[in-house]
Amino acid sequence: MDLTIQQKCPSCGAQIELHEADRLIRWPYCEVRNFMVSRGPLRFVLPDKAPDHIARSEMFYAPYLRFKGNIYYCKGKQQKFKVVDTTQQGMNAGALPASLGLRPQAMPVSLVAKDVEGIFLHQTVKARTLLERAALLAVIGSEKIKAPFCHRAYIGETLSCIYLPLYIDNNILHDAVTNRPLARGGSVEKMRQKGSVCRQIWTPHFLATLCPQCGDSLTGEHDSLVLSCYNCHSSWEEKKGQFHSINWNCVVSANKEMYYLPFWKLRVRSSGVEMESFADFLKVTNQPLVIQKKHKKMELVFWISAFKLRPSTFLTLGKNVTLRQEKLVAGETVMMNNMHPVTLLRKEAVQALKSLMAAAALNKKKLLPYLPEIRFYPLSTELTYLPFFDQGHDFVQEQTGISIAKSILRFGRKL
């Protein structure tokens, strides 16, 4: 489930509601558009109902780490996946709840900002520990498969920190959300030694959405990770607080009513298993195709959706487009209308390469044991928009005939 976030406009101070995946933010009062950038995981604080006699400077905030994303793994001759959304303690404290449960989804949270008074208790549990725990949740039931794990990947994941507000009254530690007592013997001074005030680096900052190349406005949707300039036909992604251009193209259709879905086109080389061409990929994955000369001349290229989907659909779509890529025509650097937002970064597409290859393999028992030895090295990355025509409940790709349900696309934007 998505988080609902209350945030103040950096220009006019008006407060609006955002969603967890929002990056391109349009402030309705001052009409300013900004791209939100964070240095590390986003940090949120739950609303509190602390009594009036508790000074805000005496509030304490306990960290909880949240993982939300898709976990893929291969074990024996089987490939499995699971959507995981879990929140666990970011510090070892027996007096605190082990998890926040559904609180973050049930009530609006606020981004941690410098005007939040109080002490933020130090996070002592590493993010890697949370990932390992999330992986354990994903593989529950896999004990029946006696073979060892061959591969594991986190794709489309979101790591964040949610703070539970606390206060001490009459030496009793209270949960400030419910005002329920948690433990006796609380000491304000001892608690202060375990934390610090809000750090500036925790606060997100905002980039003006002006094209670095021509100065025109960049466009996109609220959850877009890649912004487009329709004036100079360029595309941009944020890195280290700045916009950087990316290589992109669009397979333009003569039909003006097309809907364009983005894919990361990854040209790679491999080691561990010899694959130098598309023909090698067909051979290694044991495809029921007659390998022709044209396949041997084709480079080793994977096509992975640049938008979040349910794990099964994500793998199926990437596998099908990769296998039918010879039917696709060359793209042009022309911006079209009805372009689906990019919600999956290319670095995550690279992480999905082994999972996609495993999904494409017809003889998984033969291929999956080699996954630990396989390494992929991206040679070039290109964002390509492919045309899909509307067929009622589905979108169908023009050249390949591959279809995807509209409902799946809508659900993917909530992952």
Protein backbone atom coordinates (compact mmCIF):
# COMPACT_ATOMS: atom_id res chain seq x y z
CA MET A 1 0.00 0.00 0.00
CA ASP A 2 1.09 3.55 -0.74
CA LEU A 3 1.90 6.18 1.88
CA THR A 4 0.03 9.48 1.98
CA ILE A 5 2.42 12.34 2.72
CA GLN A 6 1.73 15.87 3.91
CA GLN A 7 4.24 18.33 2.48
CA LYS A 8 4.68 22.12 2.45
CA CYS A 9 5.51 23.96 -0.77
CA PRO A 10 9.08 25.35 -0.64
CA SER A 11 7.91 28.47 -2.50
CA CYS A 12 4.59 29.53 -0.95
CA GLY A 13 4.36 27.31 2.14
CA ALA A 14 0.97 25.83 1.22
CA GLN A 15 0.44 22.24 2.35
CA ILE A 16 -0.67 19.50 -0.02
CA GLU A 17 -0.92 15.70 0.02
CA LEU A 18 1.56 13.59 -1.93
CA HIS A 19 2.02 9.88 -2.48
CA GLU A 20 5.14 7.87 -1.81
CA ALA A 21 6.08 7.49 -5.47
CA ASP A 22 5.59 11.19 -6.33
CA ARG A 23 8.67 12.96 -7.66
CA LEU A 24 7.39 15.62 -10.09
CA ILE A 25 5.30 17.86 -7.86
CA ARG A 26 2.96 20.58 -9.05
CA TRP A 27 1.97 22.98 -6.31
CA PRO A 28 -1.66 23.99 -7.01
CA TYR A 29 -1.51 27.40 -5.31
CA CYS A 30 1.62 28.99 -6.75
CA GLU A 31 1.64 26.85 -9.97
CA VAL A 32 5.33 25.98 -9.41
CA ARG A 33 6.58 22.55 -10.51
CA ASN A 34 9.56 20.92 -8.81
CA PHE A 35 11.33 17.58 -8.92
CA MET A 36 11.90 16.16 -5.44
CA VAL A 37 15.40 14.80 -4.71
CA SER A 38 16.49 12.93 -1.60
CA ARG A 39 20.00 12.13 -0.40
CA GLY A 40 19.42 8.61 0.80
CA PRO A 41 16.19 6.97 1.89
CA LEU A 42 13.20 9.23 2.45
CA ARG A 43 12.41 9.79 6.12
CA PHE A 44 8.87 10.21 7.45
CA VAL A 45 7.33 10.86 10.87
CA LEU A 46 3.94 9.64 12.07
CA PRO A 47 1.50 12.24 13.46
CA ASP A 48 1.31 12.40 17.24
CA LYS A 49 -1.28 13.25 19.90
CA ALA A 50 1.14 14.13 22.68
CA PRO A 51 -0.39 16.08 25.61
CA ASP A 52 -0.01 19.86 25.54
CA HIS A 53 2.24 19.90 28.61
CA ILE A 54 4.91 17.89 26.75
CA ALA A 55 7.29 20.35 25.09
CA ARG A 56 8.03 19.65 21.43
CA SER A 57 11.75 19.75 22.24
CA GLU A 58 11.19 16.77 24.57
CA MET A 59 9.69 14.56 21.89
CA PHE A 60 11.66 11.49 20.76
CA TYR A 61 11.44 9.68 17.43
CA ALA A 62 12.26 5.98 17.10
CA PRO A 63 13.34 4.75 13.62
CA TYR A 64 11.57 1.96 11.76
CA LEU A 65 12.90 0.71 8.42
CA ARG A 66 10.42 0.01 5.64
CA PHE A 67 11.01 -2.21 2.61
CA LYS A 68 8.52 -2.25 -0.24
CA GLY A 69 9.30 -4.02 -3.49
CA ASN A 70 9.55 -7.21 -5.50
CA ILE A 71 11.94 -10.01 -4.59
CA TYR A 72 12.93 -12.56 -7.23
CA TYR A 73 14.82 -15.75 -6.49
CA CYS A 74 15.78 -19.00 -8.16
CA LYS A 75 16.08 -22.25 -6.27
CA GLY A 76 16.63 -25.66 -7.81
CA LYS A 77 14.77 -25.64 -11.12
CA GLN A 78 12.15 -23.11 -10.03
CA GLN A 79 11.91 -19.35 -10.27
CA LYS A 80 9.84 -17.59 -7.61
CA PHE A 81 8.91 -14.02 -6.75
CA LYS A 82 6.92 -12.11 -4.17
CA VAL A 83 5.73 -8.58 -3.45
CA VAL A 84 6.91 -7.63 0.07
CA ASP A 85 5.87 -4.63 2.20
CA THR A 86 7.35 -4.80 5.71
CA THR A 87 8.26 -2.33 8.46
CA GLN A 88 10.62 -3.36 11.26
CA GLN A 89 12.56 -1.73 14.09
CA GLY A 90 15.56 0.35 13.07
CA MET A 91 17.03 0.02 16.56
CA ASN A 92 17.07 -2.81 19.07
CA ALA A 93 14.58 -1.78 21.76
CA GLY A 94 12.44 -4.36 23.52
CA ALA A 95 10.04 -1.74 24.90
CA LEU A 96 8.98 -0.63 21.41
CA PRO A 97 6.56 -2.42 19.06
CA ALA A 98 8.35 -4.87 16.75
CA SER A 99 6.56 -3.34 13.76
CA LEU A 100 4.40 -0.33 12.95
CA GLY A 101 1.79 -2.59 11.38
CA LEU A 102 -0.63 -0.68 9.14
CA ARG A 103 -0.11 2.68 10.83
CA PRO A 104 1.95 4.24 8.00
CA GLN A 105 -0.71 3.29 5.44
CA ALA A 106 -3.67 4.21 7.64
CA MET A 107 -2.66 7.78 8.54
CA PRO A 108 -0.89 10.60 6.68
CA VAL A 109 2.82 10.96 7.42
CA SER A 110 5.10 13.97 7.07
CA LEU A 111 8.56 14.25 5.57
CA VAL A 112 11.19 14.87 8.21
CA ALA A 113 12.16 18.54 8.02
CA LYS A 114 14.43 20.86 10.00
CA ASP A 115 11.44 22.45 11.76
CA VAL A 116 10.55 19.14 13.47
CA GLU A 117 11.65 19.63 17.07
CA GLY A 118 12.86 16.81 19.29
CA ILE A 119 15.46 14.06 19.32
CA PHE A 120 15.74 11.43 16.59
CA LEU A 121 17.05 8.21 18.08
CA HIS A 122 19.98 6.67 16.22
CA GLN A 123 19.35 3.89 13.73
CA THR A 124 21.45 0.87 14.73
CA VAL A 125 19.99 -1.77 12.38
CA LYS A 126 21.57 -1.64 8.93
CA ALA A 127 19.47 -1.52 5.77
CA ARG A 128 21.18 -4.72 4.62
CA THR A 129 19.70 -6.51 7.64
CA LEU A 130 16.21 -5.39 6.61
CA LEU A 131 16.80 -6.65 3.07
CA GLU A 132 17.82 -10.04 4.43
CA ARG A 133 14.71 -10.19 6.60
CA ALA A 134 12.53 -9.19 3.64
CA ALA A 135 14.15 -11.95 1.60
CA LEU A 136 13.25 -14.46 4.32
CA LEU A 137 9.63 -13.34 4.07
CA ALA A 138 9.73 -13.92 0.32
CA VAL A 139 11.06 -17.48 0.53
CA ILE A 140 8.66 -18.80 3.18
CA GLY A 141 7.50 -22.19 1.92
CA SER A 142 10.56 -22.78 -0.25
CA GLU A 143 11.97 -25.25 2.30
CA LYS A 144 10.22 -27.96 0.30
CA ILE A 145 12.70 -27.26 -2.48
CA LYS A 146 15.86 -29.00 -1.24
CA ALA A 147 18.20 -27.52 -3.86
CA PRO A 148 20.32 -24.43 -2.98
CA PHE A 149 19.52 -20.86 -4.03
CA CYS A 150 20.93 -19.85 -7.43
CA HIS A 151 20.01 -16.19 -7.56
CA ARG A 152 18.20 -13.41 -5.71
CA ALA A 153 17.34 -9.88 -6.85
CA TYR A 154 15.46 -6.88 -5.45
CA ILE A 155 13.74 -4.98 -8.27
CA GLY A 156 11.63 -1.86 -7.94
CA GLU A 157 12.30 -1.69 -4.22
CA THR A 158 11.79 1.33 -1.97
CA LEU A 159 13.70 1.74 1.29
CA SER A 160 12.52 4.40 3.72
CA CYS A 161 12.65 5.27 7.41
CA ILE A 162 9.47 5.98 9.38
CA TYR A 163 9.79 7.51 12.85
CA LEU A 164 7.43 6.63 15.71
CA PRO A 165 6.96 9.65 18.03
CA LEU A 166 7.48 9.02 21.75
CA TYR A 167 7.48 11.05 24.95
CA ILE A 168 8.31 10.50 28.63
CA ASP A 169 5.80 11.57 31.26
CA ASN A 170 6.30 10.80 34.98
CA ASN A 171 9.22 8.51 34.07
CA ILE A 172 6.97 6.43 31.81
CA LEU A 173 7.72 6.07 28.07
CA HIS A 174 4.61 6.64 25.94
CA ASP A 175 3.67 5.94 22.33
CA ALA A 176 2.73 9.47 21.19
CA VAL A 177 0.43 8.20 18.42
CA THR A 178 -1.91 6.38 20.83
CA ASN A 179 -0.70 7.87 24.15
CA ARG A 180 -0.35 4.35 25.51
CA PRO A 181 2.43 3.61 28.05
CA LEU A 182 5.23 1.39 26.78
CA ALA A 183 7.71 1.06 29.65
CA ARG A 184 8.49 2.42 33.11
CA GLY A 185 11.72 4.00 34.25
CA GLY A 186 12.13 6.33 31.28
CA SER A 187 14.73 9.09 31.57
CA VAL A 188 14.73 12.14 29.31
CA GLU A 189 18.46 12.69 29.75
CA LYS A 190 19.37 9.09 28.94
CA MET A 191 17.15 9.17 25.86
CA ARG A 192 18.81 12.38 24.65
CA GLN A 193 22.17 10.61 24.68
CA LYS A 194 20.83 8.03 22.22
CA GLY A 195 19.91 10.49 19.47
CA SER A 196 20.37 13.88 17.85
CA VAL A 197 18.32 16.67 16.31
CA CYS A 198 17.19 16.52 12.67
CA ARG A 199 20.06 16.61 10.19
CA GLN A 200 19.93 18.84 7.14
CA ILE A 201 20.92 15.96 4.85
CA TRP A 202 17.67 14.15 5.73
CA THR A 203 15.51 16.90 4.22
CA PRO A 204 14.63 16.47 0.52
CA HIS A 205 15.38 19.37 -1.79
CA PHE A 206 13.75 20.39 -5.04
CA LEU A 207 15.04 20.97 -8.57
CA ALA A 208 13.49 23.47 -10.95
CA THR A 209 12.01 21.59 -13.92
CA LEU A 210 13.76 23.56 -16.64
CA CYS A 211 15.51 21.79 -19.51
CA PRO A 212 19.29 22.14 -19.03
CA GLN A 213 19.69 22.16 -22.83
CA CYS A 214 17.16 24.76 -24.01
CA GLY A 215 15.59 26.21 -20.87
CA ASP A 216 12.04 25.16 -21.71
CA SER A 217 9.82 23.36 -19.20
CA LEU A 218 10.34 19.65 -18.60
CA THR A 219 7.21 17.54 -18.53
CA GLY A 220 6.18 14.26 -16.96
CA GLU A 221 3.67 12.74 -14.58
CA HIS A 222 3.70 12.78 -10.80
CA ASP A 223 5.66 9.50 -10.56
CA SER A 224 7.99 10.05 -13.54
CA LEU A 225 11.68 9.33 -13.00
CA VAL A 226 12.56 10.57 -16.51
CA LEU A 227 11.39 14.01 -17.64
CA SER A 228 10.92 15.07 -21.27
CA CYS A 229 11.47 18.32 -23.13
CA TYR A 230 9.12 18.67 -26.08
CA ASN A 231 10.99 21.74 -27.33
CA CYS A 232 14.41 20.18 -27.99
CA HIS A 233 13.24 16.53 -27.87
CA SER A 234 15.52 15.48 -25.02
CA SER A 235 15.03 13.23 -21.97
CA TRP A 236 16.53 13.73 -18.51
CA GLU A 237 17.01 11.77 -15.30
CA GLU A 238 18.21 13.02 -11.93
CA LYS A 239 21.63 11.97 -10.62
CA LYS A 240 23.33 13.43 -7.55
CA GLY A 241 21.05 16.45 -7.49
CA GLN A 242 21.33 17.36 -11.18
CA PHE A 243 19.54 16.46 -14.40
CA HIS A 244 21.54 14.36 -16.88
CA SER A 245 20.51 13.60 -20.44
CA ILE A 246 19.87 10.00 -21.51
CA ASN A 247 19.85 8.30 -24.89
CA TRP A 248 16.32 7.64 -26.03
CA ASN A 249 14.18 7.07 -29.09
CA CYS A 250 10.61 6.28 -30.06
CA VAL A 251 9.36 3.71 -32.57
CA VAL A 252 6.93 6.06 -34.28
CA SER A 253 3.66 4.67 -35.63
CA ALA A 254 1.58 6.10 -38.45
CA ASN A 255 -1.43 5.69 -36.18
CA LYS A 256 -1.72 8.87 -34.11
CA GLU A 257 -3.83 7.17 -31.43
CA MET A 258 -1.02 4.92 -30.19
CA TYR A 259 0.00 4.64 -26.54
CA TYR A 260 3.77 4.46 -26.01
CA LEU A 261 5.32 2.25 -23.33
CA PRO A 262 9.01 2.75 -22.34
CA PHE A 263 11.58 -0.06 -22.31
CA TRP A 264 15.24 -0.13 -21.34
CA LYS A 265 17.20 -1.53 -24.27
CA LEU A 266 20.39 -3.01 -22.79
CA ARG A 267 23.22 -4.10 -25.05
CA VAL A 268 25.45 -6.33 -22.93
CA ARG A 269 28.32 -8.78 -22.94
CA SER A 270 28.45 -11.76 -20.61
CA SER A 271 30.86 -14.04 -18.84
CA GLY A 272 30.36 -17.38 -17.12
CA VAL A 273 28.23 -18.64 -19.99
CA GLU A 274 29.36 -17.77 -23.51
CA MET A 275 26.90 -15.41 -25.17
CA GLU A 276 28.03 -12.94 -27.78
CA SER A 277 24.95 -12.65 -29.99
CA PHE A 278 21.18 -13.05 -29.95
CA ALA A 279 21.70 -16.49 -31.49
CA ASP A 280 23.71 -17.51 -28.40
CA PHE A 281 20.87 -16.31 -26.17
CA LEU A 282 18.38 -18.43 -28.11
CA LYS A 283 20.67 -21.44 -27.82
CA VAL A 284 21.42 -21.04 -24.09
CA THR A 285 17.74 -20.59 -23.20
CA ASN A 286 16.83 -23.52 -25.45
CA GLN A 287 14.23 -21.66 -27.54
CA PRO A 288 12.21 -23.75 -30.03
CA LEU A 289 13.46 -21.72 -32.99
CA VAL A 290 15.64 -22.45 -35.95
CA ILE A 291 18.71 -20.27 -35.46
CA GLN A 292 19.39 -18.33 -38.65
CA LYS A 293 22.26 -16.22 -39.94
CA LYS A 294 20.42 -13.02 -39.06
CA HIS A 295 20.28 -14.14 -35.42
CA LYS A 296 24.05 -14.59 -35.37
CA LYS A 297 24.52 -11.05 -36.68
CA MET A 298 22.26 -9.56 -34.00
CA GLU A 299 23.89 -8.20 -30.85
CA LEU A 300 23.06 -9.52 -27.39
CA VAL A 301 20.30 -7.13 -26.33
CA PHE A 302 17.74 -7.39 -23.53
CA TRP A 303 14.49 -5.41 -23.45
CA ILE A 304 13.19 -4.68 -19.95
CA SER A 305 10.12 -2.60 -19.11
CA ALA A 306 10.98 0.83 -17.70
CA PHE A 307 7.85 0.83 -15.55
CA LYS A 308 6.86 -1.18 -12.49
CA LEU A 309 4.66 -4.24 -12.92
CA ARG A 310 3.63 -7.30 -10.98
CA PRO A 311 6.60 -9.69 -10.93
CA SER A 312 5.05 -12.33 -13.19
CA THR A 313 3.97 -9.74 -15.79
CA PHE A 314 7.32 -7.93 -15.55
CA LEU A 315 9.24 -11.09 -16.46
CA THR A 316 6.78 -12.24 -19.13
CA LEU A 317 6.72 -8.87 -20.89
CA GLY A 318 10.50 -8.48 -20.87
CA LYS A 319 11.01 -12.05 -22.07
CA ASN A 320 8.50 -11.69 -24.93
CA VAL A 321 9.85 -8.37 -26.19
CA THR A 322 13.43 -9.67 -26.00
CA LEU A 323 12.56 -12.81 -27.97
CA ARG A 324 10.65 -10.86 -30.65
CA GLN A 325 12.99 -7.89 -30.93
CA GLU A 326 13.85 -8.65 -34.56
CA LYS A 327 10.35 -7.50 -35.52
CA LEU A 328 10.90 -4.03 -34.06
CA VAL A 329 11.88 -1.17 -36.35
CA ALA A 330 14.42 1.58 -35.65
CA GLY A 331 13.31 4.45 -33.45
CA GLU A 332 13.47 8.23 -33.89
CA THR A 333 14.15 11.03 -31.39
CA VAL A 334 10.64 12.43 -31.70
CA MET A 335 8.44 13.11 -28.69
CA MET A 336 4.95 11.68 -29.02
CA ASN A 337 1.77 12.20 -27.04
CA ASN A 338 0.48 9.47 -24.71
CA MET A 339 3.87 8.38 -23.39
CA HIS A 340 3.71 6.19 -20.26
CA PRO A 341 5.92 7.47 -17.41
CA VAL A 342 9.24 5.82 -16.61
CA THR A 343 8.95 4.49 -13.05
CA LEU A 344 11.81 1.96 -13.04
CA LEU A 345 15.41 3.16 -13.14
CA ARG A 346 17.88 1.63 -15.59
CA LYS A 347 20.12 0.42 -12.75
CA GLU A 348 17.21 -1.76 -11.63
CA ALA A 349 16.76 -2.99 -15.19
CA VAL A 350 20.39 -4.15 -15.08
CA GLN A 351 19.67 -6.00 -11.83
CA ALA A 352 16.80 -7.79 -13.60
CA LEU A 353 18.96 -9.32 -16.34
CA LYS A 354 19.54 -12.68 -14.64
CA SER A 355 15.90 -12.95 -13.60
CA LEU A 356 14.77 -12.28 -17.16
CA MET A 357 17.18 -14.85 -18.54
CA ALA A 358 15.92 -17.41 -16.04
CA ALA A 359 12.34 -16.63 -17.08
CA ALA A 360 13.24 -17.14 -20.74
CA ALA A 361 14.95 -20.51 -20.16
CA LEU A 362 12.77 -23.45 -21.17
CA ASN A 363 15.05 -25.94 -19.42
CA LYS A 364 15.43 -24.23 -16.05
CA LYS A 365 16.93 -27.32 -14.43
CA LYS A 366 19.87 -27.04 -16.82
CA LEU A 367 20.38 -23.24 -16.81
CA LEU A 368 19.60 -22.06 -13.27
CA PRO A 369 22.62 -23.73 -11.58
CA TYR A 370 24.88 -21.59 -13.82
CA LEU A 371 23.30 -18.28 -12.71
CA PRO A 372 25.87 -17.62 -9.91
CA GLU A 373 28.66 -17.78 -12.50
CA ILE A 374 26.99 -15.53 -15.09
CA ARG A 375 27.95 -11.86 -15.17
CA PHE A 376 26.41 -9.22 -17.41
CA TYR A 377 28.31 -6.06 -18.38
CA PRO A 378 26.18 -3.31 -19.99
CA LEU A 379 27.83 -1.82 -23.06
CA SER A 380 25.09 0.70 -23.84
CA THR A 381 21.68 1.66 -22.50
CA GLU A 382 18.87 3.27 -24.44
CA LEU A 383 15.33 4.19 -23.46
CA THR A 384 12.95 3.15 -26.25
CA TYR A 385 9.23 3.85 -26.44
CA LEU A 386 7.23 1.19 -28.29
CA PRO A 387 3.77 1.84 -29.79
CA PHE A 388 0.74 -0.04 -28.42
CA PHE A 389 -2.77 0.27 -29.83
CA ASP A 390 -5.88 0.31 -27.68
CA GLN A 391 -7.96 -2.85 -27.84
CA GLY A 392 -10.49 -2.17 -25.12
CA HIS A 393 -9.17 -3.83 -21.97
CA ASP A 394 -5.65 -4.37 -23.39
CA PHE A 395 -2.83 -2.54 -25.14
CA VAL A 396 -1.28 -4.51 -28.02
CA GLN A 397 2.20 -3.82 -29.39
CA GLU A 398 2.05 -2.90 -33.08
CA GLN A 399 4.97 -4.90 -34.49
CA THR A 400 5.07 -7.96 -32.23
CA GLY A 401 1.44 -8.45 -31.18
CA ILE A 402 2.44 -8.60 -27.49
CA SER A 403 -0.41 -7.48 -25.22
CA ILE A 404 -0.70 -6.14 -21.69
CA ALA A 405 -3.86 -5.45 -19.69
CA LYS A 406 -4.61 -1.83 -18.85
CA SER A 407 -5.54 -2.83 -15.30
CA ILE A 408 -2.03 -4.26 -14.80
CA LEU A 409 -0.49 -0.96 -15.89
CA ARG A 410 -2.67 0.94 -13.42
CA PHE A 411 -1.81 -1.44 -10.59
CA GLY A 412 1.90 -1.18 -11.41
CA ARG A 413 1.86 2.53 -10.58
CA LYS A 414 0.86 1.66 -7.01
CA LEU A 415 3.74 -0.78 -6.42
